[in-house]
Amino acid sequence: MTRQRKSELREVLSRIWWSVDKEKCFIVILHRGAPKNRKVLAVKDIDEIKAGYLFVGDLQIPIHRIIEIICNGKTLWKRKKI
């Protein structure tokens, strides 16, 4: 059995979750109905990341909705096509 490599998005999420100052990191998600269909979440507000979802309070946000990850004003990851 071969082990699959994590996607680039999962690697960036893991890196910021465990090592970067969460106060300065934000995740932009696709959120229909919000201005420009985008919503910004502070990483510090995320309770858990697992099994393809971000958990924020009672909300489950699918990881495939992530559009961009920004830390310290720099884009760490951005979806190529929406």
Protein backbone atom coordinates (compact mmCIF):
# COMPACT_ATOMS: atom_id res chain seq x y z
CA MET A 1 0.00 0.00 0.00
CA THR A 2 1.41 3.39 -0.96
CA ARG A 3 0.89 6.50 1.11
CA GLN A 4 -0.61 9.46 -0.69
CA ARG A 5 1.14 12.79 -0.39
CA LYS A 6 -0.89 15.58 1.18
CA SER A 7 -2.15 18.20 -1.19
CA GLU A 8 -0.38 21.55 -1.20
CA LEU A 9 -3.43 23.12 0.46
CA ARG A 10 -3.42 20.54 3.29
CA GLU A 11 0.31 21.08 3.80
CA VAL A 12 -0.14 24.87 4.10
CA LEU A 13 -3.08 24.43 6.49
CA SER A 14 -1.06 22.06 8.65
CA ARG A 15 1.95 24.38 8.67
CA ILE A 16 -0.02 27.44 9.79
CA TRP A 17 -2.07 25.41 12.28
CA TRP A 18 1.00 24.09 14.11
CA SER A 19 3.76 26.64 13.65
CA VAL A 20 2.72 30.13 12.59
CA ASP A 21 1.26 32.94 14.71
CA LYS A 22 -2.46 32.35 14.14
CA GLU A 23 -3.30 35.97 15.01
CA LYS A 24 -1.88 37.13 11.67
CA CYS A 25 -3.35 34.44 9.40
CA PHE A 26 -6.64 34.47 7.52
CA ILE A 27 -8.48 32.05 5.26
CA VAL A 28 -10.69 33.34 2.45
CA ILE A 29 -13.56 30.98 1.65
CA LEU A 30 -16.24 30.81 -1.01
CA HIS A 31 -19.45 31.82 0.79
CA ARG A 32 -22.45 32.33 -1.46
CA GLY A 33 -24.48 35.38 -0.48
CA ALA A 34 -21.55 37.24 1.10
CA PRO A 35 -20.12 40.29 -0.69
CA LYS A 36 -18.28 39.01 -3.78
CA ASN A 37 -19.16 35.48 -2.56
CA ARG A 38 -16.18 35.58 -0.22
CA LYS A 39 -15.82 35.50 3.53
CA VAL A 40 -12.62 35.92 5.55
CA LEU A 41 -12.01 33.72 8.58
CA ALA A 42 -9.28 34.33 11.14
CA VAL A 43 -7.26 31.16 11.72
CA LYS A 44 -7.38 31.89 15.47
CA ASP A 45 -11.18 31.36 15.32
CA ILE A 46 -10.90 27.84 13.84
CA ASP A 47 -11.47 25.15 16.45
CA GLU A 48 -10.30 22.16 14.46
CA ILE A 49 -9.13 21.04 11.02
CA LYS A 50 -9.79 17.43 10.06
CA ALA A 51 -11.35 15.06 7.54
CA GLY A 52 -11.74 17.67 4.82
CA TYR A 53 -13.41 20.31 7.01
CA LEU A 54 -12.65 23.39 9.07
CA PHE A 55 -14.69 23.55 12.27
CA VAL A 56 -15.63 27.01 13.56
CA GLY A 57 -18.03 26.73 16.47
CA ASP A 58 -20.98 24.69 15.23
CA LEU A 59 -20.10 25.28 11.57
CA GLN A 60 -18.40 22.76 9.28
CA ILE A 61 -16.73 24.40 6.31
CA PRO A 62 -15.51 22.07 3.53
CA ILE A 63 -11.83 22.57 2.76
CA HIS A 64 -12.63 22.68 -0.98
CA ARG A 65 -14.29 26.08 -0.32
CA ILE A 66 -10.93 27.67 0.57
CA ILE A 67 -9.91 30.25 -2.02
CA GLU A 68 -6.83 31.80 -0.42
CA ILE A 69 -4.65 31.64 2.71
CA ILE A 70 -2.94 34.85 3.86
CA CYS A 71 -0.41 35.25 6.68
CA ASN A 72 1.38 38.45 7.65
CA GLY A 73 -0.08 40.14 4.55
CA LYS A 74 1.43 37.53 2.19
CA THR A 75 -0.50 34.98 0.18
CA LEU A 76 0.71 31.49 1.13
CA TRP A 77 -1.73 29.65 -1.08
CA LYS A 78 -4.30 30.63 -3.69
CA ARG A 79 -6.70 28.55 -5.73
CA LYS A 80 -5.71 28.60 -9.38
CA LYS A 81 -9.26 28.61 -10.70
CA ILE A 82 -12.60 29.29 -9.02
